[in-house]
Amino acid sequence: EEYSLMVEEGHAVKVGGFGEEREVNQEVLDVVTNVKAEIEKVIGESFISFEPKTYKSQVVAGTNYLVKVHVGKEKMLLVKVHKPLPHKIEPPKVMEAYYDE
């Protein structure tokens, strides 16, 4: 397969594929925290504990984030959020959210 590379936050990222797993940074924390209510709606539960831990990113028409979120006890969610390109002037959107089993 052929991929083009792009540099994001000092890391080379394969365009079209998810990059390596990294610790959550402030940008990812803000994106996921801002869609918490949407995630709770998808899962059908409210979370008192909600701590994004790690993520992978995928450069598309914007960025997809696949984020592991600790939601209490031994429970982890996998959340896929799409952040559109800045010129789109659209908020991030939850694409998927499910328990990581």
PDB file of N, CA and C in Angstrom:
ATOM      1  N   GLU A   1       0.839  -1.184   0.000  1.00  0.00           N
ATOM      2  CA  GLU A   1       0.000   0.000   0.000  1.00  0.00           C
ATOM      3  C   GLU A   1       0.878   1.239   0.000  1.00  0.00           C
ATOM      4  N   GLU A   2       0.353   2.283  -0.599  1.00  0.00           N
ATOM      5  CA  GLU A   2       1.095   3.532  -0.636  1.00  0.00           C
ATOM      6  C   GLU A   2       0.348   4.582   0.162  1.00  0.00           C
ATOM      7  N   TYR A   3       1.061   5.256   1.043  1.00  0.00           N
ATOM      8  CA  TYR A   3       0.491   6.319   1.849  1.00  0.00           C
ATOM      9  C   TYR A   3       1.330   7.565   1.675  1.00  0.00           C
ATOM     10  N   SER A   4       0.698   8.701   1.757  1.00  0.00           N
ATOM     11  CA  SER A   4       1.495   9.923   1.839  1.00  0.00           C
ATOM     12  C   SER A   4       1.629  10.237   3.331  1.00  0.00           C
ATOM     13  N   LEU A   5       2.688  10.922   3.692  1.00  0.00           N
ATOM     14  CA  LEU A   5       2.927  11.246   5.089  1.00  0.00           C
ATOM     15  C   LEU A   5       2.687  12.718   5.328  1.00  0.00           C
ATOM     16  N   MET A   6       2.215  13.029   6.527  1.00  0.00           N
ATOM     17  CA  MET A   6       1.975  14.398   6.928  1.00  0.00           C
ATOM     18  C   MET A   6       2.503  14.517   8.346  1.00  0.00           C
ATOM     19  N   VAL A   7       3.019  15.652   8.709  1.00  0.00           N
ATOM     20  CA  VAL A   7       3.519  15.828  10.071  1.00  0.00           C
ATOM     21  C   VAL A   7       2.446  16.503  10.903  1.00  0.00           C
ATOM     22  N   GLU A   8       2.105  15.877  12.031  1.00  0.00           N
ATOM     23  CA  GLU A   8       1.104  16.404  12.956  1.00  0.00           C
ATOM     24  C   GLU A   8       1.740  16.405  14.339  1.00  0.00           C
ATOM     25  N   GLU A   9       1.813  17.571  14.955  1.00  0.00           N
ATOM     26  CA  GLU A   9       2.390  17.691  16.293  1.00  0.00           C
ATOM     27  C   GLU A   9       3.775  17.055  16.368  1.00  0.00           C
ATOM     28  N   GLY A  10       4.559  17.205  15.317  1.00  0.00           N
ATOM     29  CA  GLY A  10       5.918  16.676  15.330  1.00  0.00           C
ATOM     30  C   GLY A  10       6.028  15.192  15.042  1.00  0.00           C
ATOM     31  N   HIS A  11       4.916  14.526  14.723  1.00  0.00           N
ATOM     32  CA  HIS A  11       4.914  13.096  14.422  1.00  0.00           C
ATOM     33  C   HIS A  11       4.505  12.906  12.967  1.00  0.00           C
ATOM     34  N   ALA A  12       5.141  11.973  12.287  1.00  0.00           N
ATOM     35  CA  ALA A  12       4.725  11.635  10.925  1.00  0.00           C
ATOM     36  C   ALA A  12       3.466  10.796  11.018  1.00  0.00           C
ATOM     37  N   VAL A  13       2.454  11.159  10.261  1.00  0.00           N
ATOM     38  CA  VAL A  13       1.167  10.466  10.291  1.00  0.00           C
ATOM     39  C   VAL A  13       0.854   9.986   8.880  1.00  0.00           C
ATOM     40  N   LYS A  14       0.430   8.732   8.747  1.00  0.00           N
ATOM     41  CA  LYS A  14       0.023   8.209   7.449  1.00  0.00           C
ATOM     42  C   LYS A  14      -1.345   8.787   7.106  1.00  0.00           C
ATOM     43  N   VAL A  15      -1.452   9.439   5.973  1.00  0.00           N
ATOM     44  CA  VAL A  15      -2.745   9.936   5.529  1.00  0.00           C
ATOM     45  C   VAL A  15      -3.549   8.734   5.077  1.00  0.00           C
ATOM     46  N   GLY A  16      -4.735   8.573   5.604  1.00  0.00           N
ATOM     47  CA  GLY A  16      -5.591   7.450   5.259  1.00  0.00           C
ATOM     48  C   GLY A  16      -5.572   6.342   6.286  1.00  0.00           C
ATOM     49  N   GLY A  17      -4.554   6.266   7.132  1.00  0.00           N
ATOM     50  CA  GLY A  17      -4.486   5.232   8.164  1.00  0.00           C
ATOM     51  C   GLY A  17      -4.349   5.868   9.538  1.00  0.00           C
ATOM     52  N   PHE A  18      -4.741   5.130  10.582  1.00  0.00           N
ATOM     53  CA  PHE A  18      -4.566   5.640  11.941  1.00  0.00           C
ATOM     54  C   PHE A  18      -3.087   5.575  12.312  1.00  0.00           C
ATOM     55  N   GLY A  19      -2.606   6.602  12.992  1.00  0.00           N
ATOM     56  CA  GLY A  19      -1.229   6.662  13.468  1.00  0.00           C
ATOM     57  C   GLY A  19      -1.071   5.826  14.727  1.00  0.00           C
ATOM     58  N   GLU A  20       0.102   5.956  15.345  1.00  0.00           N
ATOM     59  CA  GLU A  20       0.384   5.186  16.556  1.00  0.00           C
ATOM     60  C   GLU A  20      -0.381   5.754  17.751  1.00  0.00           C
ATOM     61  N   GLU A  21      -0.577   4.901  18.751  1.00  0.00           N
ATOM     62  CA  GLU A  21      -1.286   5.309  19.963  1.00  0.00           C
ATOM     63  C   GLU A  21      -0.392   6.228  20.786  1.00  0.00           C
ATOM     64  N   ARG A  22      -0.986   7.320  21.268  1.00  0.00           N
ATOM     65  CA  ARG A  22      -0.257   8.306  22.067  1.00  0.00           C
ATOM     66  C   ARG A  22      -1.082   8.736  23.271  1.00  0.00           C
ATOM     67  N   GLU A  23      -0.405   9.338  24.245  1.00  0.00           N
ATOM     68  CA  GLU A  23      -1.103   9.903  25.402  1.00  0.00           C
ATOM     69  C   GLU A  23      -1.943  11.081  24.913  1.00  0.00           C
ATOM     70  N   VAL A  24      -3.112  11.266  25.528  1.00  0.00           N
ATOM     71  CA  VAL A  24      -4.001  12.360  25.155  1.00  0.00           C
ATOM     72  C   VAL A  24      -3.316  13.706  25.419  1.00  0.00           C
ATOM     73  N   ASN A  25      -3.431  14.614  24.459  1.00  0.00           N
ATOM     74  CA  ASN A  25      -2.916  15.976  24.623  1.00  0.00           C
ATOM     75  C   ASN A  25      -4.100  16.924  24.852  1.00  0.00           C
ATOM     76  N   GLN A  26      -3.830  18.198  25.043  1.00  0.00           N
ATOM     77  CA  GLN A  26      -4.895  19.151  25.350  1.00  0.00           C
ATOM     78  C   GLN A  26      -5.928  19.257  24.234  1.00  0.00           C
ATOM     79  N   GLU A  27      -5.498  19.237  22.976  1.00  0.00           N
ATOM     80  CA  GLU A  27      -6.431  19.344  21.852  1.00  0.00           C
ATOM     81  C   GLU A  27      -7.432  18.184  21.857  1.00  0.00           C
ATOM     82  N   VAL A  28      -6.932  16.958  22.012  1.00  0.00           N
ATOM     83  CA  VAL A  28      -7.799  15.775  22.014  1.00  0.00           C
ATOM     84  C   VAL A  28      -8.709  15.794  23.250  1.00  0.00           C
ATOM     85  N   LEU A  29      -8.157  16.192  24.390  1.00  0.00           N
ATOM     86  CA  LEU A  29      -8.950  16.305  25.615  1.00  0.00           C
ATOM     87  C   LEU A  29     -10.120  17.265  25.406  1.00  0.00           C
ATOM     88  N   ASP A  30      -9.845  18.422  24.806  1.00  0.00           N
ATOM     89  CA  ASP A  30     -10.902  19.401  24.544  1.00  0.00           C
ATOM     90  C   ASP A  30     -11.956  18.866  23.585  1.00  0.00           C
ATOM     91  N   VAL A  31     -11.514  18.208  22.505  1.00  0.00           N
ATOM     92  CA  VAL A  31     -12.451  17.672  21.512  1.00  0.00           C
ATOM     93  C   VAL A  31     -13.384  16.650  22.159  1.00  0.00           C
ATOM     94  N   VAL A  32     -12.815  15.693  22.898  1.00  0.00           N
ATOM     95  CA  VAL A  32     -13.625  14.615  23.486  1.00  0.00           C
ATOM     96  C   VAL A  32     -14.513  15.144  24.615  1.00  0.00           C
ATOM     97  N   THR A  33     -13.991  16.041  25.428  1.00  0.00           N
ATOM     98  CA  THR A  33     -14.784  16.619  26.520  1.00  0.00           C
ATOM     99  C   THR A  33     -15.979  17.400  25.970  1.00  0.00           C
ATOM    100  N   ASN A  34     -15.771  18.091  24.855  1.00  0.00           N
ATOM    101  CA  ASN A  34     -16.854  18.875  24.258  1.00  0.00           C
ATOM    102  C   ASN A  34     -17.965  18.023  23.651  1.00  0.00           C
ATOM    103  N   VAL A  35     -17.708  16.744  23.379  1.00  0.00           N
ATOM    104  CA  VAL A  35     -18.748  15.863  22.827  1.00  0.00           C
ATOM    105  C   VAL A  35     -19.196  14.807  23.854  1.00  0.00           C
ATOM    106  N   LYS A  36     -18.873  15.019  25.132  1.00  0.00           N
ATOM    107  CA  LYS A  36     -19.235  14.046  26.183  1.00  0.00           C
ATOM    108  C   LYS A  36     -20.740  13.760  26.190  1.00  0.00           C
ATOM    109  N   ALA A  37     -21.574  14.789  26.110  1.00  0.00           N
ATOM    110  CA  ALA A  37     -23.033  14.586  26.132  1.00  0.00           C
ATOM    111  C   ALA A  37     -23.489  13.724  24.949  1.00  0.00           C
ATOM    112  N   GLU A  38     -22.885  13.938  23.791  1.00  0.00           N
ATOM    113  CA  GLU A  38     -23.220  13.138  22.602  1.00  0.00           C
ATOM    114  C   GLU A  38     -22.786  11.677  22.807  1.00  0.00           C
ATOM    115  N   ILE A  39     -21.621  11.469  23.422  1.00  0.00           N
ATOM    116  CA  ILE A  39     -21.132  10.118  23.724  1.00  0.00           C
ATOM    117  C   ILE A  39     -22.081   9.436  24.695  1.00  0.00           C
ATOM    118  N   GLU A  40     -22.501  10.146  25.735  1.00  0.00           N
ATOM    119  CA  GLU A  40     -23.433   9.581  26.719  1.00  0.00           C
ATOM    120  C   GLU A  40     -24.754   9.199  26.065  1.00  0.00           C
ATOM    121  N   LYS A  41     -25.202   9.989  25.103  1.00  0.00           N
ATOM    122  CA  LYS A  41     -26.445   9.685  24.376  1.00  0.00           C
ATOM    123  C   LYS A  41     -26.292   8.397  23.564  1.00  0.00           C
ATOM    124  N   VAL A  42     -25.150   8.243  22.883  1.00  0.00           N
ATOM    125  CA  VAL A  42     -24.886   7.044  22.072  1.00  0.00           C
ATOM    126  C   VAL A  42     -24.829   5.801  22.968  1.00  0.00           C
ATOM    127  N   ILE A  43     -24.136   5.895  24.103  1.00  0.00           N
ATOM    128  CA  ILE A  43     -23.977   4.760  25.018  1.00  0.00           C
ATOM    129  C   ILE A  43     -25.252   4.514  25.830  1.00  0.00           C
ATOM    130  N   GLY A  44     -26.006   5.582  26.111  1.00  0.00           N
ATOM    131  CA  GLY A  44     -27.232   5.450  26.905  1.00  0.00           C
ATOM    132  C   GLY A  44     -26.966   5.496  28.402  1.00  0.00           C
ATOM    133  N   GLU A  45     -25.859   6.119  28.793  1.00  0.00           N
ATOM    134  CA  GLU A  45     -25.491   6.249  30.200  1.00  0.00           C
ATOM    135  C   GLU A  45     -24.860   7.613  30.431  1.00  0.00           C
ATOM    136  N   SER A  46     -24.919   8.077  31.695  1.00  0.00           N
ATOM    137  CA  SER A  46     -24.184   9.278  32.090  1.00  0.00           C
ATOM    138  C   SER A  46     -22.946   8.833  32.849  1.00  0.00           C
ATOM    139  N   PHE A  47     -21.850   9.528  32.646  1.00  0.00           N
ATOM    140  CA  PHE A  47     -20.589   9.154  33.280  1.00  0.00           C
ATOM    141  C   PHE A  47     -20.117  10.228  34.249  1.00  0.00           C
ATOM    142  N   ILE A  48     -19.898   9.842  35.502  1.00  0.00           N
ATOM    143  CA  ILE A  48     -19.326  10.745  36.496  1.00  0.00           C
ATOM    144  C   ILE A  48     -17.825  10.830  36.235  1.00  0.00           C
ATOM    145  N   SER A  49     -17.196   9.672  36.072  1.00  0.00           N
ATOM    146  CA  SER A  49     -15.779   9.609  35.726  1.00  0.00           C
ATOM    147  C   SER A  49     -15.678   9.578  34.205  1.00  0.00           C
ATOM    148  N   PHE A  50     -14.851  10.449  33.627  1.00  0.00           N
ATOM    149  CA  PHE A  50     -14.706  10.529  32.172  1.00  0.00           C
ATOM    150  C   PHE A  50     -13.318  11.069  31.880  1.00  0.00           C
ATOM    151  N   GLU A  51     -12.345  10.153  31.712  1.00  0.00           N
ATOM    152  CA  GLU A  51     -10.946  10.540  31.558  1.00  0.00           C
ATOM    153  C   GLU A  51     -10.343   9.984  30.269  1.00  0.00           C
ATOM    154  N   PRO A  52     -10.263  10.808  29.216  1.00  0.00           N
ATOM    155  CA  PRO A  52      -9.575  10.357  28.005  1.00  0.00           C
ATOM    156  C   PRO A  52      -8.119  10.030  28.335  1.00  0.00           C
ATOM    157  N   LYS A  53      -7.643   8.865  27.880  1.00  0.00           N
ATOM    158  CA  LYS A  53      -6.297   8.398  28.235  1.00  0.00           C
ATOM    159  C   LYS A  53      -5.332   8.382  27.057  1.00  0.00           C
ATOM    160  N   THR A  54      -5.688   7.650  25.994  1.00  0.00           N
ATOM    161  CA  THR A  54      -4.822   7.533  24.831  1.00  0.00           C
ATOM    162  C   THR A  54      -5.652   7.735  23.566  1.00  0.00           C
ATOM    163  N   TYR A  55      -4.951   8.006  22.466  1.00  0.00           N
ATOM    164  CA  TYR A  55      -5.662   8.197  21.199  1.00  0.00           C
ATOM    165  C   TYR A  55      -4.776   7.830  20.015  1.00  0.00           C
ATOM    166  N   LYS A  56      -5.447   7.590  18.908  1.00  0.00           N
ATOM    167  CA  LYS A  56      -4.807   7.459  17.600  1.00  0.00           C
ATOM    168  C   LYS A  56      -5.513   8.476  16.721  1.00  0.00           C
ATOM    169  N   SER A  57      -4.797   9.017  15.736  1.00  0.00           N
ATOM    170  CA  SER A  57      -5.439   9.964  14.835  1.00  0.00           C
ATOM    171  C   SER A  57      -5.306   9.500  13.394  1.00  0.00           C
ATOM    172  N   GLN A  58      -6.251   9.943  12.585  1.00  0.00           N
ATOM    173  CA  GLN A  58      -6.306   9.605  11.165  1.00  0.00           C
ATOM    174  C   GLN A  58      -6.619  10.897  10.415  1.00  0.00           C
ATOM    175  N   VAL A  59      -5.747  11.275   9.496  1.00  0.00           N
ATOM    176  CA  VAL A  59      -5.954  12.488   8.718  1.00  0.00           C
ATOM    177  C   VAL A  59      -6.828  12.146   7.518  1.00  0.00           C
ATOM    178  N   VAL A  60      -7.988  12.776   7.468  1.00  0.00           N
ATOM    179  CA  VAL A  60      -8.931  12.609   6.348  1.00  0.00           C
ATOM    180  C   VAL A  60      -9.316  14.031   5.937  1.00  0.00           C
ATOM    181  N   ALA A  61     -10.568  14.303   5.637  1.00  0.00           N
ATOM    182  CA  ALA A  61     -11.012  15.682   5.398  1.00  0.00           C
ATOM    183  C   ALA A  61     -11.256  16.285   6.775  1.00  0.00           C
ATOM    184  N   GLY A  62     -10.176  16.517   7.489  1.00  0.00           N
ATOM    185  CA  GLY A  62     -10.200  16.871   8.903  1.00  0.00           C
ATOM    186  C   GLY A  62      -9.400  15.785   9.612  1.00  0.00           C
ATOM    187  N   THR A  63      -9.747  15.502  10.857  1.00  0.00           N
ATOM    188  CA  THR A  63      -9.045  14.469  11.612  1.00  0.00           C
ATOM    189  C   THR A  63     -10.040  13.590  12.348  1.00  0.00           C
ATOM    190  N   ASN A  64      -9.831  12.276  12.255  1.00  0.00           N
ATOM    191  CA  ASN A  64     -10.578  11.332  13.079  1.00  0.00           C
ATOM    192  C   ASN A  64      -9.705  10.993  14.275  1.00  0.00           C
ATOM    193  N   TYR A  65     -10.303  10.975  15.449  1.00  0.00           N
ATOM    194  CA  TYR A  65      -9.606  10.558  16.661  1.00  0.00           C
ATOM    195  C   TYR A  65     -10.280   9.299  17.182  1.00  0.00           C
ATOM    196  N   LEU A  66      -9.503   8.281  17.483  1.00  0.00           N
ATOM    197  CA  LEU A  66      -9.984   7.076  18.136  1.00  0.00           C
ATOM    198  C   LEU A  66      -9.398   7.140  19.543  1.00  0.00           C
ATOM    199  N   VAL A  67     -10.263   7.412  20.531  1.00  0.00           N
ATOM    200  CA  VAL A  67      -9.815   7.740  21.880  1.00  0.00           C
ATOM    201  C   VAL A  67     -10.298   6.695  22.876  1.00  0.00           C
ATOM    202  N   LYS A  68      -9.392   6.239  23.751  1.00  0.00           N
ATOM    203  CA  LYS A  68      -9.763   5.369  24.864  1.00  0.00           C
ATOM    204  C   LYS A  68     -10.081   6.262  26.047  1.00  0.00           C
ATOM    205  N   VAL A  69     -11.299   6.077  26.596  1.00  0.00           N
ATOM    206  CA  VAL A  69     -11.772   6.913  27.696  1.00  0.00           C
ATOM    207  C   VAL A  69     -12.085   6.028  28.894  1.00  0.00           C
ATOM    208  N   HIS A  70     -11.449   6.309  30.020  1.00  0.00           N
ATOM    209  CA  HIS A  70     -11.731   5.576  31.260  1.00  0.00           C
ATOM    210  C   HIS A  70     -12.982   6.188  31.870  1.00  0.00           C
ATOM    211  N   VAL A  71     -13.994   5.331  32.145  1.00  0.00           N
ATOM    212  CA  VAL A  71     -15.271   5.830  32.666  1.00  0.00           C
ATOM    213  C   VAL A  71     -15.619   5.221  34.024  1.00  0.00           C
ATOM    214  N   GLY A  72     -14.598   4.826  34.776  1.00  0.00           N
ATOM    215  CA  GLY A  72     -14.839   4.314  36.120  1.00  0.00           C
ATOM    216  C   GLY A  72     -14.569   2.827  36.221  1.00  0.00           C
ATOM    217  N   LYS A  73     -14.170   2.429  37.410  1.00  0.00           N
ATOM    218  CA  LYS A  73     -13.809   1.043  37.708  1.00  0.00           C
ATOM    219  C   LYS A  73     -12.850   0.531  36.646  1.00  0.00           C
ATOM    220  N   GLU A  74     -13.157  -0.590  36.031  1.00  0.00           N
ATOM    221  CA  GLU A  74     -12.284  -1.145  34.980  1.00  0.00           C
ATOM    222  C   GLU A  74     -12.864  -0.898  33.588  1.00  0.00           C
ATOM    223  N   LYS A  75     -13.806   0.044  33.475  1.00  0.00           N
ATOM    224  CA  LYS A  75     -14.497   0.260  32.195  1.00  0.00           C
ATOM    225  C   LYS A  75     -13.796   1.295  31.320  1.00  0.00           C
ATOM    226  N   MET A  76     -13.631   0.921  30.044  1.00  0.00           N
ATOM    227  CA  MET A  76     -13.052   1.818  29.046  1.00  0.00           C
ATOM    228  C   MET A  76     -14.003   1.899  27.854  1.00  0.00           C
ATOM    229  N   LEU A  77     -14.148   3.105  27.315  1.00  0.00           N
ATOM    230  CA  LEU A  77     -14.885   3.293  26.075  1.00  0.00           C
ATOM    231  C   LEU A  77     -13.891   3.505  24.949  1.00  0.00           C
ATOM    232  N   LEU A  78     -14.261   3.107  23.758  1.00  0.00           N
ATOM    233  CA  LEU A  78     -13.561   3.512  22.545  1.00  0.00           C
ATOM    234  C   LEU A  78     -14.496   4.499  21.850  1.00  0.00           C
ATOM    235  N   VAL A  79     -13.984   5.682  21.572  1.00  0.00           N
ATOM    236  CA  VAL A  79     -14.789   6.740  20.983  1.00  0.00           C
ATOM    237  C   VAL A  79     -14.097   7.229  19.714  1.00  0.00           C
ATOM    238  N   LYS A  80     -14.841   7.254  18.622  1.00  0.00           N
ATOM    239  CA  LYS A  80     -14.309   7.782  17.361  1.00  0.00           C
ATOM    240  C   LYS A  80     -15.002   9.124  17.104  1.00  0.00           C
ATOM    241  N   VAL A  81     -14.195  10.188  17.045  1.00  0.00           N
ATOM    242  CA  VAL A  81     -14.705  11.542  16.871  1.00  0.00           C
ATOM    243  C   VAL A  81     -14.079  12.138  15.610  1.00  0.00           C
ATOM    244  N   HIS A  82     -14.890  12.788  14.798  1.00  0.00           N
ATOM    245  CA  HIS A  82     -14.379  13.479  13.608  1.00  0.00           C
ATOM    246  C   HIS A  82     -14.337  14.976  13.881  1.00  0.00           C
ATOM    247  N   LYS A  83     -13.158  15.565  13.692  1.00  0.00           N
ATOM    248  CA  LYS A  83     -12.990  17.013  13.801  1.00  0.00           C
ATOM    249  C   LYS A  83     -12.778  17.545  12.383  1.00  0.00           C
ATOM    250  N   PRO A  84     -13.778  18.288  11.845  1.00  0.00           N
ATOM    251  CA  PRO A  84     -13.663  18.809  10.483  1.00  0.00           C
ATOM    252  C   PRO A  84     -12.513  19.812  10.341  1.00  0.00           C
ATOM    253  N   LEU A  85     -12.125  20.073   9.106  1.00  0.00           N
ATOM    254  CA  LEU A  85     -11.123  21.098   8.835  1.00  0.00           C
ATOM    255  C   LEU A  85     -11.636  22.448   9.334  1.00  0.00           C
ATOM    256  N   PRO A  86     -10.734  23.335   9.789  1.00  0.00           N
ATOM    257  CA  PRO A  86     -11.149  24.623  10.363  1.00  0.00           C
ATOM    258  C   PRO A  86     -12.055  25.471   9.466  1.00  0.00           C
ATOM    259  N   HIS A  87     -11.825  25.461   8.161  1.00  0.00           N
ATOM    260  CA  HIS A  87     -12.641  26.296   7.273  1.00  0.00           C
ATOM    261  C   HIS A  87     -14.096  25.832   7.173  1.00  0.00           C
ATOM    262  N   LYS A  88     -14.382  24.615   7.623  1.00  0.00           N
ATOM    263  CA  LYS A  88     -15.756  24.088   7.582  1.00  0.00           C
ATOM    264  C   LYS A  88     -16.643  24.744   8.635  1.00  0.00           C
ATOM    265  N   ILE A  89     -16.017  25.271   9.699  1.00  0.00           N
ATOM    266  CA  ILE A  89     -16.739  25.921  10.797  1.00  0.00           C
ATOM    267  C   ILE A  89     -17.850  25.009  11.327  1.00  0.00           C
ATOM    268  N   GLU A  90     -17.516  23.740  11.560  1.00  0.00           N
ATOM    269  CA  GLU A  90     -18.443  22.759  12.114  1.00  0.00           C
ATOM    270  C   GLU A  90     -17.832  22.190  13.381  1.00  0.00           C
ATOM    271  N   PRO A  91     -18.664  21.822  14.350  1.00  0.00           N
ATOM    272  CA  PRO A  91     -18.126  21.221  15.578  1.00  0.00           C
ATOM    273  C   PRO A  91     -17.712  19.765  15.352  1.00  0.00           C
ATOM    274  N   PRO A  92     -16.864  19.227  16.228  1.00  0.00           N
ATOM    275  CA  PRO A  92     -16.538  17.796  16.160  1.00  0.00           C
ATOM    276  C   PRO A  92     -17.807  16.963  16.316  1.00  0.00           C
ATOM    277  N   LYS A  93     -17.791  15.761  15.744  1.00  0.00           N
ATOM    278  CA  LYS A  93     -18.969  14.886  15.768  1.00  0.00           C
ATOM    279  C   LYS A  93     -18.558  13.473  16.168  1.00  0.00           C
ATOM    280  N   VAL A  94     -19.344  12.853  17.043  1.00  0.00           N
ATOM    281  CA  VAL A  94     -19.113  11.470  17.448  1.00  0.00           C
ATOM    282  C   VAL A  94     -19.549  10.560  16.313  1.00  0.00           C
ATOM    283  N   MET A  95     -18.632   9.704  15.857  1.00  0.00           N
ATOM    284  CA  MET A  95     -18.948   8.756  14.795  1.00  0.00           C
ATOM    285  C   MET A  95     -19.319   7.397  15.375  1.00  0.00           C
ATOM    286  N   GLU A  96     -18.644   7.008  16.473  1.00  0.00           N
ATOM    287  CA  GLU A  96     -18.888   5.732  17.156  1.00  0.00           C
ATOM    288  C   GLU A  96     -18.511   5.879  18.612  1.00  0.00           C
ATOM    289  N   ALA A  97     -19.166   5.114  19.459  1.00  0.00           N
ATOM    290  CA  ALA A  97     -18.778   5.024  20.874  1.00  0.00           C
ATOM    291  C   ALA A  97     -19.266   3.681  21.377  1.00  0.00           C
ATOM    292  N   TYR A  98     -18.355   2.920  22.000  1.00  0.00           N
ATOM    293  CA  TYR A  98     -18.721   1.610  22.515  1.00  0.00           C
ATOM    294  C   TYR A  98     -17.739   1.202  23.594  1.00  0.00           C
ATOM    295  N   TYR A  99     -18.151   0.221  24.428  1.00  0.00           N
ATOM    296  CA  TYR A  99     -17.257  -0.283  25.460  1.00  0.00           C
ATOM    297  C   TYR A  99     -16.149  -1.108  24.840  1.00  0.00           C
ATOM    298  N   ASP A 100     -14.932  -0.899  25.310  1.00  0.00           N
ATOM    299  CA  ASP A 100     -13.764  -1.658  24.871  1.00  0.00           C
ATOM    300  C   ASP A 100     -13.709  -2.893  25.739  1.00  0.00           C
ATOM    301  N   GLU A 101     -14.000  -4.049  25.173  1.00  0.00           N
ATOM    302  CA  GLU A 101     -14.063  -5.277  25.975  1.00  0.00           C
ATOM    303  C   GLU A 101     -12.878  -6.173  25.737  1.00  0.00           C
TER     304      GLU A 101
END
